[in-house]
């Protein structure tokens, strides 16, 4: 099991969004599982090709994922995965 956590900014769109645990071997499996639990959230995270959107970052433990195109970064049991909005500005 891995733990999936989110930034509070995403709660504007999904008020029931809360950390949860799920079975997943890759980040792609997490995104698929999120769609089942929170319909529509997948479209916020990935584009039509399944690539991570520019304004979204995903961390596994303290490391930013490397594969933004297929999301095939591997997960180990017990990992914490953080999904957050990328912030920009000046």
C-alpha atoms as a PDB file:
ATOM      1  CA  UNK A   1       0.000   0.000   0.000  1.00  0.00           C
ATOM      2  CA  UNK A   2       1.066   3.559  -0.696  1.00  0.00           C
ATOM      3  CA  UNK A   3      -0.351   6.708   0.859  1.00  0.00           C
ATOM      4  CA  UNK A   4      -1.595   9.418  -1.489  1.00  0.00           C
ATOM      5  CA  UNK A   5      -1.710  12.991  -0.197  1.00  0.00           C
ATOM      6  CA  UNK A   6      -2.800  16.263  -1.784  1.00  0.00           C
ATOM      7  CA  UNK A   7      -2.295  19.992  -1.355  1.00  0.00           C
ATOM      8  CA  UNK A   8      -5.192  21.983   0.042  1.00  0.00           C
ATOM      9  CA  UNK A   9      -5.485  23.927  -3.220  1.00  0.00           C
ATOM     10  CA  UNK A  10      -7.074  20.892  -4.868  1.00  0.00           C
ATOM     11  CA  UNK A  11      -9.860  20.896  -2.269  1.00  0.00           C
ATOM     12  CA  UNK A  12     -11.360  23.943  -3.995  1.00  0.00           C
ATOM     13  CA  UNK A  13     -12.435  21.589  -6.761  1.00  0.00           C
ATOM     14  CA  UNK A  14     -12.783  18.387  -4.698  1.00  0.00           C
ATOM     15  CA  UNK A  15     -13.922  19.254  -1.147  1.00  0.00           C
ATOM     16  CA  UNK A  16     -13.957  15.576  -0.078  1.00  0.00           C
ATOM     17  CA  UNK A  17     -10.339  15.066  -1.148  1.00  0.00           C
ATOM     18  CA  UNK A  18      -8.436  13.418   1.688  1.00  0.00           C
ATOM     19  CA  UNK A  19      -5.295  11.301   2.060  1.00  0.00           C
ATOM     20  CA  UNK A  20      -5.914   7.632   1.414  1.00  0.00           C
ATOM     21  CA  UNK A  21      -4.077   4.366   0.911  1.00  0.00           C
ATOM     22  CA  UNK A  22      -4.172   2.196  -2.175  1.00  0.00           C
ATOM     23  CA  UNK A  23      -2.317  -0.617  -3.890  1.00  0.00           C
ATOM     24  CA  UNK A  24      -0.172   0.726  -6.730  1.00  0.00           C
ATOM     25  CA  UNK A  25       3.131  -0.171  -8.367  1.00  0.00           C
ATOM     26  CA  UNK A  26       3.422   3.005 -10.492  1.00  0.00           C
ATOM     27  CA  UNK A  27       2.307   6.614 -10.415  1.00  0.00           C
ATOM     28  CA  UNK A  28       0.096   5.875 -13.456  1.00  0.00           C
ATOM     29  CA  UNK A  29      -1.862   3.342 -11.370  1.00  0.00           C
ATOM     30  CA  UNK A  30      -2.440   6.008  -8.725  1.00  0.00           C
ATOM     31  CA  UNK A  31      -3.847   8.430 -11.296  1.00  0.00           C
ATOM     32  CA  UNK A  32      -6.187   5.705 -12.571  1.00  0.00           C
ATOM     33  CA  UNK A  33      -7.272   4.913  -9.014  1.00  0.00           C
ATOM     34  CA  UNK A  34      -7.929   8.582  -8.305  1.00  0.00           C
ATOM     35  CA  UNK A  35     -10.376   8.732 -11.188  1.00  0.00           C
ATOM     36  CA  UNK A  36     -12.398   5.913  -9.616  1.00  0.00           C
ATOM     37  CA  UNK A  37     -12.428   7.587  -6.209  1.00  0.00           C
ATOM     38  CA  UNK A  38     -12.759  11.208  -7.410  1.00  0.00           C
ATOM     39  CA  UNK A  39     -14.317  11.323 -10.907  1.00  0.00           C
ATOM     40  CA  UNK A  40     -12.832  14.106 -13.019  1.00  0.00           C
ATOM     41  CA  UNK A  41      -9.646  14.499 -10.973  1.00  0.00           C
ATOM     42  CA  UNK A  42      -7.615  12.574 -13.547  1.00  0.00           C
ATOM     43  CA  UNK A  43      -8.383  15.279 -16.136  1.00  0.00           C
ATOM     44  CA  UNK A  44      -6.972  17.882 -13.769  1.00  0.00           C
ATOM     45  CA  UNK A  45      -3.746  15.886 -13.289  1.00  0.00           C
ATOM     46  CA  UNK A  46      -3.041  14.611 -16.811  1.00  0.00           C
ATOM     47  CA  UNK A  47      -3.774  15.852 -20.324  1.00  0.00           C
ATOM     48  CA  UNK A  48      -5.466  14.015 -23.211  1.00  0.00           C
ATOM     49  CA  UNK A  49      -2.272  12.023 -23.915  1.00  0.00           C
ATOM     50  CA  UNK A  50      -1.907  10.977 -20.279  1.00  0.00           C
ATOM     51  CA  UNK A  51       1.058  13.307 -19.672  1.00  0.00           C
ATOM     52  CA  UNK A  52       1.312  15.144 -16.385  1.00  0.00           C
ATOM     53  CA  UNK A  53      -0.049  18.662 -16.802  1.00  0.00           C
ATOM     54  CA  UNK A  54       2.405  21.534 -16.547  1.00  0.00           C
ATOM     55  CA  UNK A  55       0.730  22.995 -13.441  1.00  0.00           C
ATOM     56  CA  UNK A  56       0.846  19.722 -11.483  1.00  0.00           C
ATOM     57  CA  UNK A  57       3.777  18.099  -9.681  1.00  0.00           C
ATOM     58  CA  UNK A  58       3.919  14.643  -8.129  1.00  0.00           C
ATOM     59  CA  UNK A  59       6.494  13.673  -5.538  1.00  0.00           C
ATOM     60  CA  UNK A  60       7.276  10.162  -4.306  1.00  0.00           C
ATOM     61  CA  UNK A  61       8.654  10.647  -0.835  1.00  0.00           C
ATOM     62  CA  UNK A  62      10.840  13.760  -1.305  1.00  0.00           C
ATOM     63  CA  UNK A  63      11.673  13.286  -4.992  1.00  0.00           C
ATOM     64  CA  UNK A  64       9.872  14.765  -7.965  1.00  0.00           C
ATOM     65  CA  UNK A  65       8.823  12.033 -10.398  1.00  0.00           C
ATOM     66  CA  UNK A  66      11.046  11.686 -13.455  1.00  0.00           C
ATOM     67  CA  UNK A  67       8.539  10.339 -15.998  1.00  0.00           C
ATOM     68  CA  UNK A  68       6.017  13.115 -16.694  1.00  0.00           C
ATOM     69  CA  UNK A  69       4.881  11.422 -19.934  1.00  0.00           C
ATOM     70  CA  UNK A  70       3.894   7.873 -18.998  1.00  0.00           C
ATOM     71  CA  UNK A  71       3.996   8.198 -15.186  1.00  0.00           C
ATOM     72  CA  UNK A  72       5.775   4.861 -14.895  1.00  0.00           C
ATOM     73  CA  UNK A  73       7.871   5.862 -11.880  1.00  0.00           C
ATOM     74  CA  UNK A  74       7.982   2.802  -9.624  1.00  0.00           C
ATOM     75  CA  UNK A  75       6.519   2.768  -6.129  1.00  0.00           C
ATOM     76  CA  UNK A  76       7.455   0.691  -3.125  1.00  0.00           C
ATOM     77  CA  UNK A  77       5.064  -0.379  -0.368  1.00  0.00           C
ATOM     78  CA  UNK A  78       4.913   2.310   2.275  1.00  0.00           C
ATOM     79  CA  UNK A  79       5.783   5.170  -0.081  1.00  0.00           C
ATOM     80  CA  UNK A  80       4.022   8.492   0.348  1.00  0.00           C
ATOM     81  CA  UNK A  81       2.952  10.159  -2.879  1.00  0.00           C
ATOM     82  CA  UNK A  82       2.169  13.881  -2.909  1.00  0.00           C
ATOM     83  CA  UNK A  83       0.085  15.468  -5.658  1.00  0.00           C
ATOM     84  CA  UNK A  84       0.235  19.233  -5.773  1.00  0.00           C
ATOM     85  CA  UNK A  85      -0.323  22.266  -7.892  1.00  0.00           C
ATOM     86  CA  UNK A  86       2.832  23.822  -9.251  1.00  0.00           C
ATOM     87  CA  UNK A  87       3.050  27.434  -8.174  1.00  0.00           C
ATOM     88  CA  UNK A  88       4.332  30.203 -10.371  1.00  0.00           C
ATOM     89  CA  UNK A  89       4.512  33.918 -10.215  1.00  0.00           C
ATOM     90  CA  UNK A  90       6.903  36.714  -9.706  1.00  0.00           C
END
